[in-house]
């Protein structure tokens, strides 16, 4: 498990909050980002030995249970909204920028903060 108080999670939180919109009617409030357990197996287990900061298993897609979005994951005609896909690409790109600059600021003497799988 990766610590929610560690640098990798904080950088992930920053990337999410920069890309995802603020809550309606609350322009000064950042979207809440909380840790959770990813259900199911991922290939990230193969990369854990390469990371000192842990593995961040992250899926940057919004799911609306009321709208039936949970049935879209691993179901017939699996899909996500195009805008969510765009935001996901932006979050992943920003995470890579933040993690890369965080590593280079350390003089490149340490391993990158974490992997995102």
PDB file of N, CA and C in Angstrom:
ATOM      1  N   UNK A   1       0.835  -1.178   0.000  1.00  0.00           N
ATOM      2  CA  UNK A   1       0.000   0.000   0.000  1.00  0.00           C
ATOM      3  C   UNK A   1       0.888   1.252   0.000  1.00  0.00           C
ATOM      4  N   UNK A   2       0.376   2.300  -0.580  1.00  0.00           N
ATOM      5  CA  UNK A   2       1.085   3.571  -0.652  1.00  0.00           C
ATOM      6  C   UNK A   2       0.448   4.534   0.340  1.00  0.00           C
ATOM      7  N   UNK A   3       1.260   5.239   1.082  1.00  0.00           N
ATOM      8  CA  UNK A   3       0.768   6.164   2.096  1.00  0.00           C
ATOM      9  C   UNK A   3       0.052   7.356   1.463  1.00  0.00           C
ATOM     10  N   UNK A   4      -1.122   7.684   2.001  1.00  0.00           N
ATOM     11  CA  UNK A   4      -1.866   8.855   1.528  1.00  0.00           C
ATOM     12  C   UNK A   4      -1.208  10.150   1.988  1.00  0.00           C
ATOM     13  N   UNK A   5      -0.296  10.070   2.939  1.00  0.00           N
ATOM     14  CA  UNK A   5       0.393  11.274   3.399  1.00  0.00           C
ATOM     15  C   UNK A   5       1.757  11.438   2.721  1.00  0.00           C
ATOM     16  N   UNK A   6       2.125  10.481   1.884  1.00  0.00           N
ATOM     17  CA  UNK A   6       3.420  10.537   1.213  1.00  0.00           C
ATOM     18  C   UNK A   6       3.421  11.447  -0.015  1.00  0.00           C
ATOM     19  N   UNK A   7       4.608  11.746  -0.480  1.00  0.00           N
ATOM     20  CA  UNK A   7       4.795  12.639  -1.632  1.00  0.00           C
ATOM     21  C   UNK A   7       4.106  12.127  -2.895  1.00  0.00           C
ATOM     22  N   UNK A   8       4.177  10.832  -3.235  1.00  0.00           N
ATOM     23  CA  UNK A   8       3.515  10.365  -4.465  1.00  0.00           C
ATOM     24  C   UNK A   8       2.012  10.653  -4.480  1.00  0.00           C
ATOM     25  N   UNK A   9       1.327  10.371  -3.368  1.00  0.00           N
ATOM     26  CA  UNK A   9      -0.111  10.626  -3.327  1.00  0.00           C
ATOM     27  C   UNK A   9      -0.398  12.114  -3.395  1.00  0.00           C
ATOM     28  N   UNK A  10       0.420  12.931  -2.749  1.00  0.00           N
ATOM     29  CA  UNK A  10       0.215  14.382  -2.783  1.00  0.00           C
ATOM     30  C   UNK A  10       0.359  14.925  -4.206  1.00  0.00           C
ATOM     31  N   UNK A  11       1.311  14.396  -4.963  1.00  0.00           N
ATOM     32  CA  UNK A  11       1.476  14.823  -6.360  1.00  0.00           C
ATOM     33  C   UNK A  11       0.296  14.369  -7.215  1.00  0.00           C
ATOM     34  N   UNK A  12      -0.201  13.173  -6.954  1.00  0.00           N
ATOM     35  CA  UNK A  12      -1.382  12.686  -7.666  1.00  0.00           C
ATOM     36  C   UNK A  12      -2.574  13.574  -7.348  1.00  0.00           C
ATOM     37  N   UNK A  13      -2.762  13.903  -6.070  1.00  0.00           N
ATOM     38  CA  UNK A  13      -3.862  14.789  -5.661  1.00  0.00           C
ATOM     39  C   UNK A  13      -3.751  16.133  -6.386  1.00  0.00           C
ATOM     40  N   UNK A  14      -2.549  16.683  -6.450  1.00  0.00           N
ATOM     41  CA  UNK A  14      -2.344  17.971  -7.131  1.00  0.00           C
ATOM     42  C   UNK A  14      -2.755  17.878  -8.596  1.00  0.00           C
ATOM     43  N   UNK A  15      -2.337  16.810  -9.276  1.00  0.00           N
ATOM     44  CA  UNK A  15      -2.680  16.642 -10.696  1.00  0.00           C
ATOM     45  C   UNK A  15      -4.189  16.559 -10.896  1.00  0.00           C
ATOM     46  N   UNK A  16      -4.861  15.790 -10.060  1.00  0.00           N
ATOM     47  CA  UNK A  16      -6.321  15.647 -10.163  1.00  0.00           C
ATOM     48  C   UNK A  16      -6.995  16.995  -9.964  1.00  0.00           C
ATOM     49  N   UNK A  17      -6.579  17.705  -8.933  1.00  0.00           N
ATOM     50  CA  UNK A  17      -7.225  18.976  -8.615  1.00  0.00           C
ATOM     51  C   UNK A  17      -6.947  20.050  -9.662  1.00  0.00           C
ATOM     52  N   UNK A  18      -5.839  19.936 -10.377  1.00  0.00           N
ATOM     53  CA  UNK A  18      -5.557  20.885 -11.457  1.00  0.00           C
ATOM     54  C   UNK A  18      -6.412  20.612 -12.692  1.00  0.00           C
ATOM     55  N   UNK A  19      -6.752  19.348 -12.930  1.00  0.00           N
ATOM     56  CA  UNK A  19      -7.460  18.967 -14.162  1.00  0.00           C
ATOM     57  C   UNK A  19      -8.972  18.924 -13.989  1.00  0.00           C
ATOM     58  N   UNK A  20      -9.451  18.338 -12.908  1.00  0.00           N
ATOM     59  CA  UNK A  20     -10.897  18.176 -12.729  1.00  0.00           C
ATOM     60  C   UNK A  20     -11.516  19.490 -12.253  1.00  0.00           C
ATOM     61  N   UNK A  21     -12.721  19.785 -12.691  1.00  0.00           N
ATOM     62  CA  UNK A  21     -13.373  21.049 -12.337  1.00  0.00           C
ATOM     63  C   UNK A  21     -13.716  21.126 -10.850  1.00  0.00           C
ATOM     64  N   UNK A  22     -13.823  22.343 -10.387  1.00  0.00           N
ATOM     65  CA  UNK A  22     -14.204  22.575  -8.994  1.00  0.00           C
ATOM     66  C   UNK A  22     -15.695  22.285  -8.820  1.00  0.00           C
ATOM     67  N   UNK A  23     -16.116  21.924  -7.610  1.00  0.00           N
ATOM     68  CA  UNK A  23     -17.550  21.648  -7.383  1.00  0.00           C
ATOM     69  C   UNK A  23     -18.415  22.857  -7.759  1.00  0.00           C
ATOM     70  N   UNK A  24     -19.575  22.589  -8.318  1.00  0.00           N
ATOM     71  CA  UNK A  24     -20.499  23.651  -8.749  1.00  0.00           C
ATOM     72  C   UNK A  24     -20.818  24.589  -7.594  1.00  0.00           C
ATOM     73  N   UNK A  25     -20.715  25.876  -7.873  1.00  0.00           N
ATOM     74  CA  UNK A  25     -21.038  26.880  -6.876  1.00  0.00           C
ATOM     75  C   UNK A  25     -19.970  27.074  -5.811  1.00  0.00           C
ATOM     76  N   UNK A  26     -18.833  26.393  -5.946  1.00  0.00           N
ATOM     77  CA  UNK A  26     -17.761  26.490  -4.958  1.00  0.00           C
ATOM     78  C   UNK A  26     -16.426  26.727  -5.668  1.00  0.00           C
ATOM     79  N   UNK A  27     -16.250  27.889  -6.292  1.00  0.00           N
ATOM     80  CA  UNK A  27     -15.059  28.138  -7.096  1.00  0.00           C
ATOM     81  C   UNK A  27     -13.747  28.107  -6.319  1.00  0.00           C
ATOM     82  N   UNK A  28     -13.806  28.284  -4.992  1.00  0.00           N
ATOM     83  CA  UNK A  28     -12.578  28.292  -4.196  1.00  0.00           C
ATOM     84  C   UNK A  28     -12.310  26.945  -3.520  1.00  0.00           C
ATOM     85  N   UNK A  29     -13.128  25.943  -3.829  1.00  0.00           N
ATOM     86  CA  UNK A  29     -13.004  24.636  -3.194  1.00  0.00           C
ATOM     87  C   UNK A  29     -12.481  23.618  -4.206  1.00  0.00           C
ATOM     88  N   UNK A  30     -11.383  22.967  -3.884  1.00  0.00           N
ATOM     89  CA  UNK A  30     -10.834  21.936  -4.769  1.00  0.00           C
ATOM     90  C   UNK A  30     -11.654  20.657  -4.640  1.00  0.00           C
ATOM     91  N   UNK A  31     -11.712  19.892  -5.721  1.00  0.00           N
ATOM     92  CA  UNK A  31     -12.412  18.618  -5.701  1.00  0.00           C
ATOM     93  C   UNK A  31     -11.729  17.715  -4.666  1.00  0.00           C
ATOM     94  N   UNK A  32     -12.510  17.026  -3.828  1.00  0.00           N
ATOM     95  CA  UNK A  32     -11.883  16.161  -2.828  1.00  0.00           C
ATOM     96  C   UNK A  32     -11.224  14.943  -3.488  1.00  0.00           C
ATOM     97  N   UNK A  33     -10.068  14.580  -3.006  1.00  0.00           N
ATOM     98  CA  UNK A  33      -9.343  13.402  -3.492  1.00  0.00           C
ATOM     99  C   UNK A  33      -9.061  12.533  -2.280  1.00  0.00           C
ATOM    100  N   UNK A  34      -9.572  11.313  -2.291  1.00  0.00           N
ATOM    101  CA  UNK A  34      -9.394  10.421  -1.154  1.00  0.00           C
ATOM    102  C   UNK A  34      -8.825   9.088  -1.633  1.00  0.00           C
ATOM    103  N   UNK A  35      -8.040   8.431  -0.790  1.00  0.00           N
ATOM    104  CA  UNK A  35      -7.503   7.115  -1.172  1.00  0.00           C
ATOM    105  C   UNK A  35      -8.596   6.046  -1.100  1.00  0.00           C
ATOM    106  N   UNK A  36      -8.427   5.003  -1.884  1.00  0.00           N
ATOM    107  CA  UNK A  36      -9.348   3.868  -1.836  1.00  0.00           C
ATOM    108  C   UNK A  36      -8.599   2.641  -2.331  1.00  0.00           C
ATOM    109  N   UNK A  37      -9.178   1.488  -2.086  1.00  0.00           N
ATOM    110  CA  UNK A  37      -8.569   0.235  -2.527  1.00  0.00           C
ATOM    111  C   UNK A  37      -9.099  -0.102  -3.918  1.00  0.00           C
ATOM    112  N   UNK A  38      -8.198  -0.347  -4.855  1.00  0.00           N
ATOM    113  CA  UNK A  38      -8.602  -0.750  -6.195  1.00  0.00           C
ATOM    114  C   UNK A  38      -8.978  -2.222  -6.137  1.00  0.00           C
ATOM    115  N   UNK A  39     -10.205  -2.518  -6.515  1.00  0.00           N
ATOM    116  CA  UNK A  39     -10.654  -3.905  -6.540  1.00  0.00           C
ATOM    117  C   UNK A  39     -10.137  -4.599  -7.787  1.00  0.00           C
ATOM    118  N   UNK A  40      -9.721  -5.825  -7.642  1.00  0.00           N
ATOM    119  CA  UNK A  40      -9.233  -6.583  -8.789  1.00  0.00           C
ATOM    120  C   UNK A  40      -7.723  -6.523  -8.895  1.00  0.00           C
ATOM    121  N   UNK A  41      -7.203  -7.421  -9.680  1.00  0.00           N
ATOM    122  CA  UNK A  41      -5.758  -7.481  -9.872  1.00  0.00           C
ATOM    123  C   UNK A  41      -5.304  -6.561 -10.988  1.00  0.00           C
ATOM    124  N   UNK A  42      -4.135  -5.999 -10.843  1.00  0.00           N
ATOM    125  CA  UNK A  42      -3.550  -5.175 -11.894  1.00  0.00           C
ATOM    126  C   UNK A  42      -2.124  -5.643 -12.133  1.00  0.00           C
ATOM    127  N   UNK A  43      -1.552  -5.242 -13.248  1.00  0.00           N
ATOM    128  CA  UNK A  43      -0.163  -5.584 -13.548  1.00  0.00           C
ATOM    129  C   UNK A  43       0.822  -4.853 -12.656  1.00  0.00           C
ATOM    130  N   UNK A  44       0.328  -3.911 -11.862  1.00  0.00           N
ATOM    131  CA  UNK A  44       1.227  -3.113 -11.027  1.00  0.00           C
ATOM    132  C   UNK A  44       2.022  -3.964 -10.047  1.00  0.00           C
ATOM    133  N   UNK A  45       1.524  -5.140  -9.716  1.00  0.00           N
ATOM    134  CA  UNK A  45       2.255  -5.996  -8.775  1.00  0.00           C
ATOM    135  C   UNK A  45       3.643  -6.343  -9.297  1.00  0.00           C
ATOM    136  N   UNK A  46       3.812  -6.304 -10.607  1.00  0.00           N
ATOM    137  CA  UNK A  46       5.116  -6.615 -11.195  1.00  0.00           C
ATOM    138  C   UNK A  46       6.101  -5.452 -11.079  1.00  0.00           C
ATOM    139  N   UNK A  47       5.600  -4.257 -10.813  1.00  0.00           N
ATOM    140  CA  UNK A  47       6.445  -3.065 -10.759  1.00  0.00           C
ATOM    141  C   UNK A  47       6.771  -2.617  -9.338  1.00  0.00           C
ATOM    142  N   UNK A  48       6.118  -3.184  -8.350  1.00  0.00           N
ATOM    143  CA  UNK A  48       6.341  -2.781  -6.959  1.00  0.00           C
ATOM    144  C   UNK A  48       7.809  -2.818  -6.550  1.00  0.00           C
ATOM    145  N   UNK A  49       8.587  -3.821  -6.963  1.00  0.00           N
ATOM    146  CA  UNK A  49      10.000  -3.836  -6.554  1.00  0.00           C
ATOM    147  C   UNK A  49      10.822  -2.671  -7.135  1.00  0.00           C
ATOM    148  N   UNK A  50      10.316  -2.013  -8.155  1.00  0.00           N
ATOM    149  CA  UNK A  50      11.049  -0.916  -8.789  1.00  0.00           C
ATOM    150  C   UNK A  50      10.783   0.437  -8.140  1.00  0.00           C
ATOM    151  N   UNK A  51       9.872   0.501  -7.199  1.00  0.00           N
ATOM    152  CA  UNK A  51       9.455   1.784  -6.631  1.00  0.00           C
ATOM    153  C   UNK A  51       9.721   1.838  -5.135  1.00  0.00           C
ATOM    154  N   UNK A  52      10.359   2.927  -4.703  1.00  0.00           N
ATOM    155  CA  UNK A  52      10.545   3.164  -3.272  1.00  0.00           C
ATOM    156  C   UNK A  52       9.307   3.791  -2.652  1.00  0.00           C
ATOM    157  N   UNK A  53       8.544   4.532  -3.445  1.00  0.00           N
ATOM    158  CA  UNK A  53       7.393   5.274  -2.921  1.00  0.00           C
ATOM    159  C   UNK A  53       6.093   4.522  -2.970  1.00  0.00           C
ATOM    160  N   UNK A  54       6.081   3.338  -3.551  1.00  0.00           N
ATOM    161  CA  UNK A  54       4.850   2.581  -3.672  1.00  0.00           C
ATOM    162  C   UNK A  54       4.229   2.732  -5.048  1.00  0.00           C
ATOM    163  N   UNK A  55       3.169   2.014  -5.269  1.00  0.00           N
ATOM    164  CA  UNK A  55       2.462   2.016  -6.545  1.00  0.00           C
ATOM    165  C   UNK A  55       1.116   2.707  -6.339  1.00  0.00           C
ATOM    166  N   UNK A  56       0.822   3.676  -7.184  1.00  0.00           N
ATOM    167  CA  UNK A  56      -0.472   4.345  -7.140  1.00  0.00           C
ATOM    168  C   UNK A  56      -1.368   3.712  -8.194  1.00  0.00           C
ATOM    169  N   UNK A  57      -2.329   2.938  -7.757  1.00  0.00           N
ATOM    170  CA  UNK A  57      -3.289   2.325  -8.677  1.00  0.00           C
ATOM    171  C   UNK A  57      -4.434   3.327  -8.822  1.00  0.00           C
ATOM    172  N   UNK A  58      -4.482   3.934  -9.984  1.00  0.00           N
ATOM    173  CA  UNK A  58      -5.380   5.074 -10.148  1.00  0.00           C
ATOM    174  C   UNK A  58      -6.128   4.982 -11.457  1.00  0.00           C
ATOM    175  N   UNK A  59      -7.427   5.206 -11.380  1.00  0.00           N
ATOM    176  CA  UNK A  59      -8.273   5.207 -12.568  1.00  0.00           C
ATOM    177  C   UNK A  59      -8.992   6.558 -12.585  1.00  0.00           C
ATOM    178  N   UNK A  60      -8.552   7.486 -13.445  1.00  0.00           N
ATOM    179  CA  UNK A  60      -9.102   8.850 -13.406  1.00  0.00           C
ATOM    180  C   UNK A  60     -10.385   9.040 -14.204  1.00  0.00           C
ATOM    181  N   UNK A  61     -11.397   8.241 -13.896  1.00  0.00           N
ATOM    182  CA  UNK A  61     -12.669   8.364 -14.594  1.00  0.00           C
ATOM    183  C   UNK A  61     -13.765   8.598 -13.568  1.00  0.00           C
ATOM    184  N   UNK A  62     -14.685   9.482 -13.903  1.00  0.00           N
ATOM    185  CA  UNK A  62     -15.828   9.700 -13.041  1.00  0.00           C
ATOM    186  C   UNK A  62     -16.869   8.609 -13.276  1.00  0.00           C
ATOM    187  N   UNK A  63     -17.481   8.139 -12.216  1.00  0.00           N
ATOM    188  CA  UNK A  63     -18.550   7.151 -12.321  1.00  0.00           C
ATOM    189  C   UNK A  63     -19.762   7.666 -11.558  1.00  0.00           C
ATOM    190  N   UNK A  64     -20.892   7.675 -12.230  1.00  0.00           N
ATOM    191  CA  UNK A  64     -22.132   8.121 -11.622  1.00  0.00           C
ATOM    192  C   UNK A  64     -23.033   6.904 -11.463  1.00  0.00           C
ATOM    193  N   UNK A  65     -23.142   6.404 -10.249  1.00  0.00           N
ATOM    194  CA  UNK A  65     -23.939   5.207  -9.984  1.00  0.00           C
ATOM    195  C   UNK A  65     -25.391   5.399 -10.403  1.00  0.00           C
ATOM    196  N   UNK A  66     -25.943   6.577 -10.122  1.00  0.00           N
ATOM    197  CA  UNK A  66     -27.339   6.872 -10.458  1.00  0.00           C
ATOM    198  C   UNK A  66     -27.579   6.800 -11.972  1.00  0.00           C
ATOM    199  N   UNK A  67     -26.597   7.231 -12.763  1.00  0.00           N
ATOM    200  CA  UNK A  67     -26.727   7.218 -14.221  1.00  0.00           C
ATOM    201  C   UNK A  67     -26.421   5.847 -14.822  1.00  0.00           C
ATOM    202  N   UNK A  68     -26.053   4.882 -13.978  1.00  0.00           N
ATOM    203  CA  UNK A  68     -25.776   3.532 -14.472  1.00  0.00           C
ATOM    204  C   UNK A  68     -24.363   3.333 -14.994  1.00  0.00           C
ATOM    205  N   UNK A  69     -23.446   4.234 -14.649  1.00  0.00           N
ATOM    206  CA  UNK A  69     -22.074   4.140 -15.161  1.00  0.00           C
ATOM    207  C   UNK A  69     -21.343   2.885 -14.690  1.00  0.00           C
ATOM    208  N   UNK A  70     -21.693   2.347 -13.526  1.00  0.00           N
ATOM    209  CA  UNK A  70     -20.997   1.161 -13.022  1.00  0.00           C
ATOM    210  C   UNK A  70     -21.163  -0.025 -13.970  1.00  0.00           C
ATOM    211  N   UNK A  71     -22.285  -0.079 -14.686  1.00  0.00           N
ATOM    212  CA  UNK A  71     -22.527  -1.151 -15.642  1.00  0.00           C
ATOM    213  C   UNK A  71     -21.707  -1.022 -16.916  1.00  0.00           C
ATOM    214  N   UNK A  72     -21.059   0.125 -17.112  1.00  0.00           N
ATOM    215  CA  UNK A  72     -20.250   0.339 -18.316  1.00  0.00           C
ATOM    216  C   UNK A  72     -18.852  -0.277 -18.189  1.00  0.00           C
ATOM    217  N   UNK A  73     -18.416  -0.539 -16.964  1.00  0.00           N
ATOM    218  CA  UNK A  73     -17.077  -1.083 -16.732  1.00  0.00           C
ATOM    219  C   UNK A  73     -17.135  -2.599 -16.863  1.00  0.00           C
ATOM    220  N   UNK A  74     -16.336  -3.128 -17.750  1.00  0.00           N
ATOM    221  CA  UNK A  74     -16.244  -4.561 -18.033  1.00  0.00           C
ATOM    222  C   UNK A  74     -17.588  -5.169 -18.437  1.00  0.00           C
ATOM    223  N   UNK A  75     -18.453  -4.354 -19.021  1.00  0.00           N
ATOM    224  CA  UNK A  75     -19.739  -4.850 -19.479  1.00  0.00           C
ATOM    225  C   UNK A  75     -19.825  -4.821 -20.996  1.00  0.00           C
ATOM    226  N   UNK A  76     -20.978  -5.183 -21.509  1.00  0.00           N
ATOM    227  CA  UNK A  76     -21.206  -5.124 -22.942  1.00  0.00           C
ATOM    228  C   UNK A  76     -21.108  -3.672 -23.390  1.00  0.00           C
ATOM    229  N   UNK A  77     -20.401  -3.435 -24.481  1.00  0.00           N
ATOM    230  CA  UNK A  77     -20.195  -2.085 -24.998  1.00  0.00           C
ATOM    231  C   UNK A  77     -19.497  -1.195 -23.960  1.00  0.00           C
ATOM    232  N   UNK A  78     -18.438  -1.745 -23.334  1.00  0.00           N
ATOM    233  CA  UNK A  78     -17.694  -1.006 -22.316  1.00  0.00           C
ATOM    234  C   UNK A  78     -17.219   0.334 -22.874  1.00  0.00           C
ATOM    235  N   UNK A  79     -17.423   1.410 -22.103  1.00  0.00           N
ATOM    236  CA  UNK A  79     -17.048   2.734 -22.585  1.00  0.00           C
ATOM    237  C   UNK A  79     -17.049   3.733 -21.429  1.00  0.00           C
ATOM    238  N   UNK A  80     -16.440   4.883 -21.694  1.00  0.00           N
ATOM    239  CA  UNK A  80     -16.493   6.014 -20.778  1.00  0.00           C
ATOM    240  C   UNK A  80     -16.802   7.250 -21.626  1.00  0.00           C
ATOM    241  N   UNK A  81     -17.342   8.278 -21.005  1.00  0.00           N
ATOM    242  CA  UNK A  81     -17.607   9.502 -21.766  1.00  0.00           C
ATOM    243  C   UNK A  81     -16.314  10.100 -22.323  1.00  0.00           C
ATOM    244  N   UNK A  82     -16.386  10.692 -23.510  1.00  0.00           N
ATOM    245  CA  UNK A  82     -15.210  11.272 -24.166  1.00  0.00           C
ATOM    246  C   UNK A  82     -14.540  12.338 -23.303  1.00  0.00           C
ATOM    247  N   UNK A  83     -15.331  13.149 -22.593  1.00  0.00           N
ATOM    248  CA  UNK A  83     -14.741  14.192 -21.761  1.00  0.00           C
ATOM    249  C   UNK A  83     -13.957  13.583 -20.599  1.00  0.00           C
ATOM    250  N   UNK A  84     -14.457  12.467 -20.040  1.00  0.00           N
ATOM    251  CA  UNK A  84     -13.710  11.787 -18.975  1.00  0.00           C
ATOM    252  C   UNK A  84     -12.397  11.214 -19.515  1.00  0.00           C
ATOM    253  N   UNK A  85     -12.408  10.708 -20.739  1.00  0.00           N
ATOM    254  CA  UNK A  85     -11.180  10.183 -21.352  1.00  0.00           C
ATOM    255  C   UNK A  85     -10.157  11.312 -21.526  1.00  0.00           C
ATOM    256  N   UNK A  86     -10.612  12.469 -21.992  1.00  0.00           N
ATOM    257  CA  UNK A  86      -9.729  13.627 -22.155  1.00  0.00           C
ATOM    258  C   UNK A  86      -9.111  14.024 -20.820  1.00  0.00           C
ATOM    259  N   UNK A  87      -9.943  14.094 -19.782  1.00  0.00           N
ATOM    260  CA  UNK A  87      -9.432  14.460 -18.457  1.00  0.00           C
ATOM    261  C   UNK A  87      -8.446  13.418 -17.940  1.00  0.00           C
ATOM    262  N   UNK A  88      -8.717  12.147 -18.221  1.00  0.00           N
ATOM    263  CA  UNK A  88      -7.805  11.077 -17.777  1.00  0.00           C
ATOM    264  C   UNK A  88      -6.425  11.245 -18.407  1.00  0.00           C
ATOM    265  N   UNK A  89      -6.385  11.516 -19.704  1.00  0.00           N
ATOM    266  CA  UNK A  89      -5.109  11.729 -20.390  1.00  0.00           C
ATOM    267  C   UNK A  89      -4.386  12.928 -19.781  1.00  0.00           C
ATOM    268  N   UNK A  90      -5.129  13.990 -19.509  1.00  0.00           N
ATOM    269  CA  UNK A  90      -4.519  15.192 -18.915  1.00  0.00           C
ATOM    270  C   UNK A  90      -3.977  14.910 -17.518  1.00  0.00           C
ATOM    271  N   UNK A  91      -4.705  14.138 -16.713  1.00  0.00           N
ATOM    272  CA  UNK A  91      -4.235  13.806 -15.362  1.00  0.00           C
ATOM    273  C   UNK A  91      -2.967  12.973 -15.444  1.00  0.00           C
ATOM    274  N   UNK A  92      -2.961  11.949 -16.294  1.00  0.00           N
ATOM    275  CA  UNK A  92      -1.761  11.106 -16.421  1.00  0.00           C
ATOM    276  C   UNK A  92      -0.560  11.937 -16.886  1.00  0.00           C
ATOM    277  N   UNK A  93      -0.772  12.816 -17.850  1.00  0.00           N
ATOM    278  CA  UNK A  93       0.327  13.657 -18.342  1.00  0.00           C
ATOM    279  C   UNK A  93       0.842  14.566 -17.226  1.00  0.00           C
ATOM    280  N   UNK A  94      -0.065  15.147 -16.459  1.00  0.00           N
ATOM    281  CA  UNK A  94       0.344  16.045 -15.371  1.00  0.00           C
ATOM    282  C   UNK A  94       1.070  15.278 -14.271  1.00  0.00           C
ATOM    283  N   UNK A  95       0.602  14.085 -13.950  1.00  0.00           N
ATOM    284  CA  UNK A  95       1.285  13.259 -12.937  1.00  0.00           C
ATOM    285  C   UNK A  95       2.713  12.978 -13.377  1.00  0.00           C
ATOM    286  N   UNK A  96       2.896  12.633 -14.644  1.00  0.00           N
ATOM    287  CA  UNK A  96       4.250  12.361 -15.147  1.00  0.00           C
ATOM    288  C   UNK A  96       5.127  13.606 -15.064  1.00  0.00           C
ATOM    289  N   UNK A  97       4.565  14.770 -15.397  1.00  0.00           N
ATOM    290  CA  UNK A  97       5.323  16.022 -15.283  1.00  0.00           C
ATOM    291  C   UNK A  97       5.741  16.286 -13.835  1.00  0.00           C
ATOM    292  N   UNK A  98       4.776  16.147 -12.924  1.00  0.00           N
ATOM    293  CA  UNK A  98       5.058  16.428 -11.516  1.00  0.00           C
ATOM    294  C   UNK A  98       6.064  15.447 -10.937  1.00  0.00           C
ATOM    295  N   UNK A  99       5.881  14.172 -11.221  1.00  0.00           N
ATOM    296  CA  UNK A  99       6.800  13.155 -10.693  1.00  0.00           C
ATOM    297  C   UNK A  99       8.187  13.326 -11.297  1.00  0.00           C
ATOM    298  N   UNK A 100       8.244  13.643 -12.588  1.00  0.00           N
ATOM    299  CA  UNK A 100       9.532  13.831 -13.247  1.00  0.00           C
ATOM    300  C   UNK A 100      10.264  15.046 -12.717  1.00  0.00           C
ATOM    301  N   UNK A 101       9.544  16.152 -12.521  1.00  0.00           N
ATOM    302  CA  UNK A 101      10.214  17.347 -12.008  1.00  0.00           C
ATOM    303  C   UNK A 101      10.598  17.158 -10.554  1.00  0.00           C
ATOM    304  N   UNK A 102       9.780  16.430  -9.798  1.00  0.00           N
ATOM    305  CA  UNK A 102      10.095  16.148  -8.407  1.00  0.00           C
ATOM    306  C   UNK A 102      11.405  15.356  -8.315  1.00  0.00           C
ATOM    307  N   UNK A 103      11.587  14.426  -9.229  1.00  0.00           N
ATOM    308  CA  UNK A 103      12.788  13.600  -9.259  1.00  0.00           C
ATOM    309  C   UNK A 103      14.004  14.412  -9.705  1.00  0.00           C
ATOM    310  N   UNK A 104      13.809  15.236 -10.745  1.00  0.00           N
ATOM    311  CA  UNK A 104      14.944  16.007 -11.245  1.00  0.00           C
ATOM    312  C   UNK A 104      15.372  17.081 -10.249  1.00  0.00           C
ATOM    313  N   UNK A 105      14.425  17.610  -9.459  1.00  0.00           N
ATOM    314  CA  UNK A 105      14.775  18.586  -8.432  1.00  0.00           C
ATOM    315  C   UNK A 105      15.629  17.958  -7.336  1.00  0.00           C
ATOM    316  N   UNK A 106      15.495  16.626  -7.180  1.00  0.00           N
ATOM    317  CA  UNK A 106      16.302  15.921  -6.189  1.00  0.00           C
ATOM    318  C   UNK A 106      17.674  15.595  -6.747  1.00  0.00           C
ATOM    319  N   UNK A 107      17.966  16.103  -7.933  1.00  0.00           N
ATOM    320  CA  UNK A 107      19.266  15.886  -8.552  1.00  0.00           C
ATOM    321  C   UNK A 107      19.390  14.553  -9.255  1.00  0.00           C
ATOM    322  N   UNK A 108      18.231  13.877  -9.455  1.00  0.00           N
ATOM    323  CA  UNK A 108      18.250  12.595 -10.152  1.00  0.00           C
ATOM    324  C   UNK A 108      18.968  11.506  -9.373  1.00  0.00           C
ATOM    325  N   UNK A 109      19.201  11.736  -8.071  1.00  0.00           N
ATOM    326  CA  UNK A 109      19.949  10.772  -7.274  1.00  0.00           C
ATOM    327  C   UNK A 109      19.068   9.689  -6.694  1.00  0.00           C
ATOM    328  N   UNK A 110      17.766   9.893  -6.725  1.00  0.00           N
ATOM    329  CA  UNK A 110      16.840   8.910  -6.177  1.00  0.00           C
ATOM    330  C   UNK A 110      15.966   8.379  -7.291  1.00  0.00           C
ATOM    331  N   UNK A 111      15.280   7.286  -6.989  1.00  0.00           N
ATOM    332  CA  UNK A 111      14.312   6.757  -7.940  1.00  0.00           C
ATOM    333  C   UNK A 111      13.130   7.718  -7.996  1.00  0.00           C
ATOM    334  N   UNK A 112      12.382   7.732  -9.107  1.00  0.00           N
ATOM    335  CA  UNK A 112      11.167   8.555  -9.164  1.00  0.00           C
ATOM    336  C   UNK A 112      10.239   8.224  -7.993  1.00  0.00           C
ATOM    337  N   UNK A 113       9.407   9.189  -7.618  1.00  0.00           N
ATOM    338  CA  UNK A 113       8.574   9.071  -6.430  1.00  0.00           C
ATOM    339  C   UNK A 113       7.673   7.844  -6.448  1.00  0.00           C
ATOM    340  N   UNK A 114       7.053   7.523  -7.572  1.00  0.00           N
ATOM    341  CA  UNK A 114       6.144   6.379  -7.624  1.00  0.00           C
ATOM    342  C   UNK A 114       5.802   6.058  -9.050  1.00  0.00           C
ATOM    343  N   UNK A 115       5.228   4.910  -9.235  1.00  0.00           N
ATOM    344  CA  UNK A 115       4.724   4.519 -10.546  1.00  0.00           C
ATOM    345  C   UNK A 115       3.214   4.624 -10.519  1.00  0.00           C
ATOM    346  N   UNK A 116       2.616   4.898 -11.625  1.00  0.00           N
ATOM    347  CA  UNK A 116       1.159   4.950 -11.739  1.00  0.00           C
ATOM    348  C   UNK A 116       0.758   3.813 -12.657  1.00  0.00           C
ATOM    349  N   UNK A 117      -0.098   2.950 -12.172  1.00  0.00           N
ATOM    350  CA  UNK A 117      -0.501   1.799 -12.977  1.00  0.00           C
ATOM    351  C   UNK A 117      -2.006   1.745 -13.102  1.00  0.00           C
TER     352      UNK A 117
END
